[in-house]
């Protein structure tokens, strides 16, 4: 994951302009509502968080996982800056996720995968 740790330092500026509309469309397709639990994997630097949080509100839960400590560090700063208290960041890959590793062990309502299959 070392290359993603390095990539995290310039990821937002280099990638976001090219994928902003697709990111918004992906979140819109999830048909989010307040109170839903969403798993975002890989969450990267958290660029989708504002869109996801707008959909689930303060009563929902955002579970965000990534293997890169660099990406999670940026995501953590984004969460702190926004003051979101219903975000759980996980240093895990999709293969390692289980209900037990997710907040309260409850199932998720939606899965958000953006640029995670490339």
Protein backbone atom coordinates (compact mmCIF):
# COMPACT_ATOMS: atom_id res chain seq x y z
CA UNK A 1 0.00 0.00 0.00
CA UNK A 2 3.05 2.25 0.07
CA UNK A 3 2.32 3.75 -3.35
CA UNK A 4 -1.18 4.75 -2.19
CA UNK A 5 0.32 6.36 0.92
CA UNK A 6 2.45 8.54 -1.37
CA UNK A 7 -0.43 9.06 -3.81
CA UNK A 8 -2.60 10.35 -0.93
CA UNK A 9 -0.47 13.50 -0.74
CA UNK A 10 -1.69 14.72 -4.14
CA UNK A 11 -4.71 12.48 -4.82
CA UNK A 12 -7.43 15.06 -4.16
CA UNK A 13 -5.96 17.69 -6.46
CA UNK A 14 -5.02 15.31 -9.27
CA UNK A 15 -8.02 12.95 -9.36
CA UNK A 16 -11.08 14.82 -8.11
CA UNK A 17 -11.48 17.24 -11.03
CA UNK A 18 -11.74 14.29 -13.43
CA UNK A 19 -14.28 12.28 -11.43
CA UNK A 20 -16.41 14.82 -9.54
CA UNK A 21 -19.60 14.33 -11.59
CA UNK A 22 -19.24 10.53 -11.58
CA UNK A 23 -18.72 10.55 -7.79
CA UNK A 24 -21.90 12.60 -7.34
CA UNK A 25 -23.83 10.28 -9.68
CA UNK A 26 -22.60 7.19 -7.81
CA UNK A 27 -23.84 8.57 -4.50
CA UNK A 28 -27.14 9.66 -6.06
CA UNK A 29 -27.67 6.11 -7.35
CA UNK A 30 -27.55 4.83 -3.76
CA UNK A 31 -30.90 6.54 -3.03
CA UNK A 32 -29.76 7.53 0.45
CA UNK A 33 -32.06 8.54 3.29
CA UNK A 34 -31.42 9.73 6.83
CA UNK A 35 -30.61 6.90 9.19
CA UNK A 36 -29.10 4.47 6.67
CA UNK A 37 -25.79 2.68 7.28
CA UNK A 38 -23.37 3.00 4.36
CA UNK A 39 -20.10 1.16 3.82
CA UNK A 40 -17.60 3.07 1.66
CA UNK A 41 -14.77 0.81 0.52
CA UNK A 42 -12.12 1.77 -0.41
CA UNK A 43 -12.83 5.22 1.00
CA UNK A 44 -9.52 6.76 -0.06
CA UNK A 45 -9.17 10.31 1.26
CA UNK A 46 -12.89 10.60 1.91
CA UNK A 47 -13.82 12.64 -1.14
CA UNK A 48 -17.25 10.97 -1.21
CA UNK A 49 -17.93 11.64 2.48
CA UNK A 50 -19.67 15.03 2.04
CA UNK A 51 -22.07 13.55 -0.51
CA UNK A 52 -22.71 10.41 1.54
CA UNK A 53 -23.19 12.36 4.76
CA UNK A 54 -25.66 14.71 3.08
CA UNK A 55 -27.77 11.66 2.28
CA UNK A 56 -27.61 9.80 5.59
CA UNK A 57 -27.58 12.79 7.93
CA UNK A 58 -26.68 12.77 11.60
CA UNK A 59 -28.87 9.72 12.27
CA UNK A 60 -27.08 7.49 9.77
CA UNK A 61 -23.70 5.81 9.99
CA UNK A 62 -20.83 5.93 7.55
CA UNK A 63 -18.38 3.04 7.78
CA UNK A 64 -15.31 3.75 5.69
CA UNK A 65 -12.49 1.30 5.05
CA UNK A 66 -9.16 1.53 3.27
CA UNK A 67 -5.85 -0.32 3.44
CA UNK A 68 -3.70 2.78 2.94
CA UNK A 69 -2.71 4.62 6.10
CA UNK A 70 -1.98 7.70 3.99
CA UNK A 71 -5.47 7.70 2.50
CA UNK A 72 -7.06 7.07 5.92
CA UNK A 73 -5.03 9.90 7.42
CA UNK A 74 -6.50 12.34 4.89
CA UNK A 75 -9.97 10.88 5.48
CA UNK A 76 -9.54 11.28 9.25
CA UNK A 77 -8.66 14.97 8.81
CA UNK A 78 -11.73 15.45 6.58
CA UNK A 79 -13.98 13.88 9.24
CA UNK A 80 -12.47 15.98 12.04
CA UNK A 81 -12.73 19.22 10.05
CA UNK A 82 -16.41 18.56 9.28
CA UNK A 83 -17.16 17.46 12.85
CA UNK A 84 -18.91 14.27 11.78
CA UNK A 85 -19.44 12.01 14.77
CA UNK A 86 -21.13 9.15 12.93
CA UNK A 87 -18.17 8.08 10.78
CA UNK A 88 -16.12 4.99 11.62
CA UNK A 89 -12.79 4.64 9.81
CA UNK A 90 -11.38 1.14 9.43
CA UNK A 91 -7.86 0.18 8.37
CA UNK A 92 -9.07 -2.88 6.49
CA UNK A 93 -9.50 -4.16 2.99
CA UNK A 94 -12.73 -5.57 1.68
CA UNK A 95 -11.47 -9.14 2.19
CA UNK A 96 -11.02 -8.52 5.91
CA UNK A 97 -14.37 -6.86 6.60
CA UNK A 98 -16.95 -8.70 8.64
CA UNK A 99 -20.05 -7.76 10.59
CA UNK A 100 -17.98 -7.94 13.74
CA UNK A 101 -15.52 -5.35 12.43
CA UNK A 102 -18.30 -2.93 11.56
CA UNK A 103 -19.83 -0.56 14.08
CA UNK A 104 -22.18 -2.47 16.42
CA UNK A 105 -21.94 -5.54 14.19
CA UNK A 106 -25.07 -4.48 12.31
CA UNK A 107 -25.51 -5.02 8.57
CA UNK A 108 -25.12 -2.12 6.18
CA UNK A 109 -27.91 -0.73 4.01
CA UNK A 110 -25.80 0.51 1.11
CA UNK A 111 -22.36 -0.21 -0.35
CA UNK A 112 -20.38 2.56 -2.02
CA UNK A 113 -17.42 1.48 -4.17
CA UNK A 114 -15.88 4.29 -6.18
CA UNK A 115 -12.62 3.77 -8.09
CA UNK A 116 -12.06 0.70 -5.98
CA UNK A 117 -12.13 -1.79 -8.81
CA UNK A 118 -9.44 -0.16 -10.91
